[in-house]
């Protein structure tokens, strides 16, 4: 286990862990404590295993509030498989995974986690990164969609209105 302290205000921890060499070598590790200062902040936990080939690495974790003992459980998996079948090459899976935890109460927290691996995932180094109060891009996407739907809906009903209005005219809608 290697631990790197904050590199900026948002990144709370980057942990480098190694998946056990065998399935029987599982162990539990803890991060250094870190502070959540404001109510409602979220945490983005990211797992990255760039070297995994034809295997699986999983991290079971928990965010533990040291002040009141509250626990938030999460699980992350990275798996990557590839091969050749009938002369065609194929690949599936992802070398990374992430989880959002929040909103959180202010306090002092630690990450408790254990790693496991299977087949080609055994013995691989994994990076577990914890970022505080990172904006979720999905919220921006939903907002953009809603902003786009208003003029689209308005235009649709305006066209329907104009079509209905011109139906009884000497020059109906759509006739040239």
C-alpha atoms as a PDB file:
ATOM      1  CA  UNK A   1       0.000   0.000   0.000  1.00  0.00           C
ATOM      2  CA  UNK A   2       1.345   3.391  -0.964  1.00  0.00           C
ATOM      3  CA  UNK A   3      -0.375   6.616   0.040  1.00  0.00           C
ATOM      4  CA  UNK A   4       0.075  10.082  -1.387  1.00  0.00           C
ATOM      5  CA  UNK A   5      -1.278  13.072   0.479  1.00  0.00           C
ATOM      6  CA  UNK A   6      -3.311  15.845  -1.151  1.00  0.00           C
ATOM      7  CA  UNK A   7      -2.025  17.156  -4.454  1.00  0.00           C
ATOM      8  CA  UNK A   8      -4.635  19.925  -4.622  1.00  0.00           C
ATOM      9  CA  UNK A   9      -7.678  21.047  -2.670  1.00  0.00           C
ATOM     10  CA  UNK A  10     -10.071  18.628  -4.350  1.00  0.00           C
ATOM     11  CA  UNK A  11      -7.970  15.444  -4.398  1.00  0.00           C
ATOM     12  CA  UNK A  12      -8.000  13.927  -0.927  1.00  0.00           C
ATOM     13  CA  UNK A  13      -6.052  10.751  -1.548  1.00  0.00           C
ATOM     14  CA  UNK A  14      -4.459   8.592  -4.182  1.00  0.00           C
ATOM     15  CA  UNK A  15      -3.821   5.055  -3.034  1.00  0.00           C
ATOM     16  CA  UNK A  16      -1.743   2.553  -4.953  1.00  0.00           C
ATOM     17  CA  UNK A  17      -2.720  -0.971  -4.050  1.00  0.00           C
ATOM     18  CA  UNK A  18      -1.758  -4.349  -5.439  1.00  0.00           C
ATOM     19  CA  UNK A  19      -4.314  -7.047  -6.027  1.00  0.00           C
ATOM     20  CA  UNK A  20      -3.305 -10.151  -4.056  1.00  0.00           C
ATOM     21  CA  UNK A  21      -1.010 -12.626  -5.799  1.00  0.00           C
ATOM     22  CA  UNK A  22      -3.443 -15.428  -4.946  1.00  0.00           C
ATOM     23  CA  UNK A  23      -7.122 -15.500  -4.069  1.00  0.00           C
ATOM     24  CA  UNK A  24      -6.193 -16.496  -0.480  1.00  0.00           C
ATOM     25  CA  UNK A  25      -4.068 -13.373   0.171  1.00  0.00           C
ATOM     26  CA  UNK A  26      -6.933 -10.912   0.731  1.00  0.00           C
ATOM     27  CA  UNK A  27      -6.356  -8.233   3.383  1.00  0.00           C
ATOM     28  CA  UNK A  28      -7.971  -5.041   4.617  1.00  0.00           C
ATOM     29  CA  UNK A  29      -6.183  -1.676   4.384  1.00  0.00           C
ATOM     30  CA  UNK A  30      -7.000   1.843   5.585  1.00  0.00           C
ATOM     31  CA  UNK A  31      -6.180   5.239   4.123  1.00  0.00           C
ATOM     32  CA  UNK A  32      -4.842   8.129   6.121  1.00  0.00           C
ATOM     33  CA  UNK A  33      -7.657  10.243   7.592  1.00  0.00           C
ATOM     34  CA  UNK A  34      -8.996  13.198   5.636  1.00  0.00           C
ATOM     35  CA  UNK A  35     -11.464  15.984   6.375  1.00  0.00           C
ATOM     36  CA  UNK A  36     -14.805  16.829   4.789  1.00  0.00           C
ATOM     37  CA  UNK A  37     -15.346  20.455   5.746  1.00  0.00           C
ATOM     38  CA  UNK A  38     -18.764  21.384   4.367  1.00  0.00           C
ATOM     39  CA  UNK A  39     -22.123  19.637   4.597  1.00  0.00           C
ATOM     40  CA  UNK A  40     -23.374  18.154   1.343  1.00  0.00           C
ATOM     41  CA  UNK A  41     -20.009  17.557  -0.327  1.00  0.00           C
ATOM     42  CA  UNK A  42     -19.672  14.453  -2.455  1.00  0.00           C
ATOM     43  CA  UNK A  43     -16.749  12.117  -3.001  1.00  0.00           C
ATOM     44  CA  UNK A  44     -15.796  10.586  -6.322  1.00  0.00           C
ATOM     45  CA  UNK A  45     -13.867   7.328  -5.853  1.00  0.00           C
ATOM     46  CA  UNK A  46     -12.070   6.076  -8.978  1.00  0.00           C
ATOM     47  CA  UNK A  47     -10.379   2.711  -9.567  1.00  0.00           C
ATOM     48  CA  UNK A  48      -7.869   2.366 -12.405  1.00  0.00           C
ATOM     49  CA  UNK A  49      -5.916  -0.782 -13.345  1.00  0.00           C
ATOM     50  CA  UNK A  50      -4.157   0.046 -16.638  1.00  0.00           C
ATOM     51  CA  UNK A  51      -2.132  -3.172 -16.865  1.00  0.00           C
ATOM     52  CA  UNK A  52      -4.965  -5.692 -16.481  1.00  0.00           C
ATOM     53  CA  UNK A  53      -5.317  -8.244 -19.284  1.00  0.00           C
ATOM     54  CA  UNK A  54      -7.756 -11.161 -19.243  1.00  0.00           C
ATOM     55  CA  UNK A  55      -8.608 -10.754 -15.605  1.00  0.00           C
ATOM     56  CA  UNK A  56     -10.557  -8.963 -12.935  1.00  0.00           C
ATOM     57  CA  UNK A  57      -9.648  -6.715  -9.995  1.00  0.00           C
ATOM     58  CA  UNK A  58     -12.226  -5.685  -7.439  1.00  0.00           C
ATOM     59  CA  UNK A  59     -12.138  -3.297  -4.508  1.00  0.00           C
ATOM     60  CA  UNK A  60     -14.670  -3.481  -1.729  1.00  0.00           C
ATOM     61  CA  UNK A  61     -14.551  -0.313   0.290  1.00  0.00           C
ATOM     62  CA  UNK A  62     -16.203   1.676   2.979  1.00  0.00           C
ATOM     63  CA  UNK A  63     -16.043   5.334   3.862  1.00  0.00           C
ATOM     64  CA  UNK A  64     -15.909   5.492   7.660  1.00  0.00           C
ATOM     65  CA  UNK A  65     -16.741   8.646   9.606  1.00  0.00           C
ATOM     66  CA  UNK A  66     -14.346   8.590  12.565  1.00  0.00           C
ATOM     67  CA  UNK A  67     -16.539  10.915  14.653  1.00  0.00           C
ATOM     68  CA  UNK A  68     -19.841   9.033  14.628  1.00  0.00           C
ATOM     69  CA  UNK A  69     -18.896   5.652  13.105  1.00  0.00           C
ATOM     70  CA  UNK A  70     -21.219   6.042  10.095  1.00  0.00           C
ATOM     71  CA  UNK A  71     -20.208   3.792   7.191  1.00  0.00           C
ATOM     72  CA  UNK A  72     -20.899   4.162   3.436  1.00  0.00           C
ATOM     73  CA  UNK A  73     -20.106   0.949   1.538  1.00  0.00           C
ATOM     74  CA  UNK A  74     -19.084   0.802  -2.137  1.00  0.00           C
ATOM     75  CA  UNK A  75     -17.651  -1.710  -4.599  1.00  0.00           C
ATOM     76  CA  UNK A  76     -15.512  -1.076  -7.685  1.00  0.00           C
ATOM     77  CA  UNK A  77     -14.485  -3.534 -10.400  1.00  0.00           C
ATOM     78  CA  UNK A  78     -12.092  -3.381 -13.324  1.00  0.00           C
ATOM     79  CA  UNK A  79     -12.073  -6.242 -15.776  1.00  0.00           C
ATOM     80  CA  UNK A  80     -10.627  -6.628 -19.217  1.00  0.00           C
ATOM     81  CA  UNK A  81     -10.813  -9.664 -21.450  1.00  0.00           C
ATOM     82  CA  UNK A  82      -9.682 -10.079 -25.052  1.00  0.00           C
ATOM     83  CA  UNK A  83      -8.933 -12.813 -27.513  1.00  0.00           C
ATOM     84  CA  UNK A  84      -9.378 -14.143 -31.027  1.00  0.00           C
ATOM     85  CA  UNK A  85     -12.378 -16.137 -32.128  1.00  0.00           C
ATOM     86  CA  UNK A  86     -12.880 -17.351 -35.690  1.00  0.00           C
ATOM     87  CA  UNK A  87     -10.087 -15.101 -36.938  1.00  0.00           C
ATOM     88  CA  UNK A  88     -11.689 -12.004 -35.396  1.00  0.00           C
ATOM     89  CA  UNK A  89     -10.161 -10.257 -32.421  1.00  0.00           C
ATOM     90  CA  UNK A  90     -12.459  -9.088 -29.609  1.00  0.00           C
ATOM     91  CA  UNK A  91     -12.201  -7.306 -26.296  1.00  0.00           C
ATOM     92  CA  UNK A  92     -14.637  -6.400 -23.539  1.00  0.00           C
ATOM     93  CA  UNK A  93     -14.722  -4.777 -20.136  1.00  0.00           C
ATOM     94  CA  UNK A  94     -13.085  -1.700 -18.709  1.00  0.00           C
ATOM     95  CA  UNK A  95      -9.827  -1.046 -16.901  1.00  0.00           C
ATOM     96  CA  UNK A  96     -11.524   1.487 -14.635  1.00  0.00           C
ATOM     97  CA  UNK A  97     -14.624   2.049 -12.522  1.00  0.00           C
ATOM     98  CA  UNK A  98     -15.936   4.821 -10.325  1.00  0.00           C
ATOM     99  CA  UNK A  99     -18.503   5.477  -7.610  1.00  0.00           C
ATOM    100  CA  UNK A 100     -20.070   8.638  -6.197  1.00  0.00           C
ATOM    101  CA  UNK A 101     -20.586   8.920  -2.451  1.00  0.00           C
ATOM    102  CA  UNK A 102     -22.588  11.799  -1.096  1.00  0.00           C
ATOM    103  CA  UNK A 103     -23.900  14.010   0.218  1.00  0.00           C
ATOM    104  CA  UNK A 104     -21.648  13.706   3.243  1.00  0.00           C
ATOM    105  CA  UNK A 105     -21.719  15.298   6.670  1.00  0.00           C
ATOM    106  CA  UNK A 106     -18.663  17.282   7.770  1.00  0.00           C
ATOM    107  CA  UNK A 107     -16.148  15.201   9.666  1.00  0.00           C
ATOM    108  CA  UNK A 108     -12.975  13.179   9.664  1.00  0.00           C
ATOM    109  CA  UNK A 109     -13.092  10.140   7.374  1.00  0.00           C
ATOM    110  CA  UNK A 110     -10.995   7.127   6.405  1.00  0.00           C
ATOM    111  CA  UNK A 111     -11.324   4.661   3.570  1.00  0.00           C
ATOM    112  CA  UNK A 112     -11.363   1.001   4.521  1.00  0.00           C
ATOM    113  CA  UNK A 113     -10.824  -1.252   1.530  1.00  0.00           C
ATOM    114  CA  UNK A 114      -9.809  -4.708   0.435  1.00  0.00           C
ATOM    115  CA  UNK A 115      -8.714  -5.809  -3.004  1.00  0.00           C
ATOM    116  CA  UNK A 116      -9.304  -9.091  -4.782  1.00  0.00           C
ATOM    117  CA  UNK A 117      -8.288 -10.424  -8.162  1.00  0.00           C
ATOM    118  CA  UNK A 118      -9.068 -13.259 -10.505  1.00  0.00           C
ATOM    119  CA  UNK A 119      -6.996 -14.851 -13.275  1.00  0.00           C
ATOM    120  CA  UNK A 120      -5.076 -12.088 -15.094  1.00  0.00           C
ATOM    121  CA  UNK A 121      -5.962  -9.550 -12.384  1.00  0.00           C
ATOM    122  CA  UNK A 122      -3.900 -11.203  -9.661  1.00  0.00           C
ATOM    123  CA  UNK A 123      -0.833  -9.202  -8.612  1.00  0.00           C
ATOM    124  CA  UNK A 124      -1.660  -6.071 -10.663  1.00  0.00           C
ATOM    125  CA  UNK A 125      -1.166  -2.569  -9.305  1.00  0.00           C
ATOM    126  CA  UNK A 126      -4.329  -0.510  -9.004  1.00  0.00           C
ATOM    127  CA  UNK A 127      -4.846   3.189  -8.360  1.00  0.00           C
ATOM    128  CA  UNK A 128      -7.668   4.237  -6.057  1.00  0.00           C
ATOM    129  CA  UNK A 129      -8.235   8.014  -6.247  1.00  0.00           C
ATOM    130  CA  UNK A 130     -10.571   9.994  -3.974  1.00  0.00           C
ATOM    131  CA  UNK A 131     -11.691  13.449  -5.109  1.00  0.00           C
ATOM    132  CA  UNK A 132     -13.811  15.820  -3.002  1.00  0.00           C
ATOM    133  CA  UNK A 133     -16.680  17.917  -4.333  1.00  0.00           C
ATOM    134  CA  UNK A 134     -16.090  17.140  -7.990  1.00  0.00           C
ATOM    135  CA  UNK A 135     -18.911  18.298 -10.260  1.00  0.00           C
ATOM    136  CA  UNK A 136     -20.941  15.532 -11.874  1.00  0.00           C
ATOM    137  CA  UNK A 137     -21.070  16.038 -15.616  1.00  0.00           C
ATOM    138  CA  UNK A 138     -24.374  14.172 -15.765  1.00  0.00           C
ATOM    139  CA  UNK A 139     -26.064  17.136 -14.058  1.00  0.00           C
ATOM    140  CA  UNK A 140     -24.791  19.487 -16.774  1.00  0.00           C
ATOM    141  CA  UNK A 141     -26.063  17.064 -19.416  1.00  0.00           C
ATOM    142  CA  UNK A 142     -29.537  16.957 -17.880  1.00  0.00           C
ATOM    143  CA  UNK A 143     -29.631  20.746 -17.614  1.00  0.00           C
ATOM    144  CA  UNK A 144     -28.598  21.133 -21.271  1.00  0.00           C
ATOM    145  CA  UNK A 145     -31.250  18.616 -22.328  1.00  0.00           C
ATOM    146  CA  UNK A 146     -33.954  20.460 -20.403  1.00  0.00           C
ATOM    147  CA  UNK A 147     -32.858  23.801 -21.859  1.00  0.00           C
ATOM    148  CA  UNK A 148     -32.972  22.271 -25.350  1.00  0.00           C
ATOM    149  CA  UNK A 149     -36.413  20.729 -24.820  1.00  0.00           C
ATOM    150  CA  UNK A 150     -38.138  24.043 -24.071  1.00  0.00           C
ATOM    151  CA  UNK A 151     -37.518  25.661 -27.506  1.00  0.00           C
ATOM    152  CA  UNK A 152     -38.017  22.311 -29.264  1.00  0.00           C
ATOM    153  CA  UNK A 153     -41.429  21.809 -27.618  1.00  0.00           C
ATOM    154  CA  UNK A 154     -42.425  25.420 -28.264  1.00  0.00           C
ATOM    155  CA  UNK A 155     -41.470  25.101 -31.938  1.00  0.00           C
ATOM    156  CA  UNK A 156     -43.407  21.855 -32.274  1.00  0.00           C
ATOM    157  CA  UNK A 157     -46.606  23.389 -30.890  1.00  0.00           C
ATOM    158  CA  UNK A 158     -46.147  26.551 -33.005  1.00  0.00           C
ATOM    159  CA  UNK A 159     -45.945  24.410 -36.159  1.00  0.00           C
ATOM    160  CA  UNK A 160     -49.061  22.469 -35.115  1.00  0.00           C
ATOM    161  CA  UNK A 161     -50.893  25.728 -34.496  1.00  0.00           C
ATOM    162  CA  UNK A 162     -49.906  27.186 -37.879  1.00  0.00           C
ATOM    163  CA  UNK A 163     -50.873  23.982 -39.696  1.00  0.00           C
ATOM    164  CA  UNK A 164     -54.304  23.973 -38.013  1.00  0.00           C
ATOM    165  CA  UNK A 165     -54.789  27.692 -38.728  1.00  0.00           C
ATOM    166  CA  UNK A 166     -54.009  27.352 -42.450  1.00  0.00           C
ATOM    167  CA  UNK A 167     -56.119  24.185 -43.013  1.00  0.00           C
ATOM    168  CA  UNK A 168     -59.299  26.146 -43.873  1.00  0.00           C
ATOM    169  CA  UNK A 169     -57.439  28.751 -45.913  1.00  0.00           C
ATOM    170  CA  UNK A 170     -57.501  29.044 -49.700  1.00  0.00           C
ATOM    171  CA  UNK A 171     -53.763  28.234 -49.537  1.00  0.00           C
ATOM    172  CA  UNK A 172     -53.416  25.315 -47.058  1.00  0.00           C
ATOM    173  CA  UNK A 173     -50.154  24.595 -45.222  1.00  0.00           C
ATOM    174  CA  UNK A 174     -47.643  22.688 -47.302  1.00  0.00           C
ATOM    175  CA  UNK A 175     -49.089  23.418 -50.746  1.00  0.00           C
ATOM    176  CA  UNK A 176     -46.802  25.334 -53.006  1.00  0.00           C
END
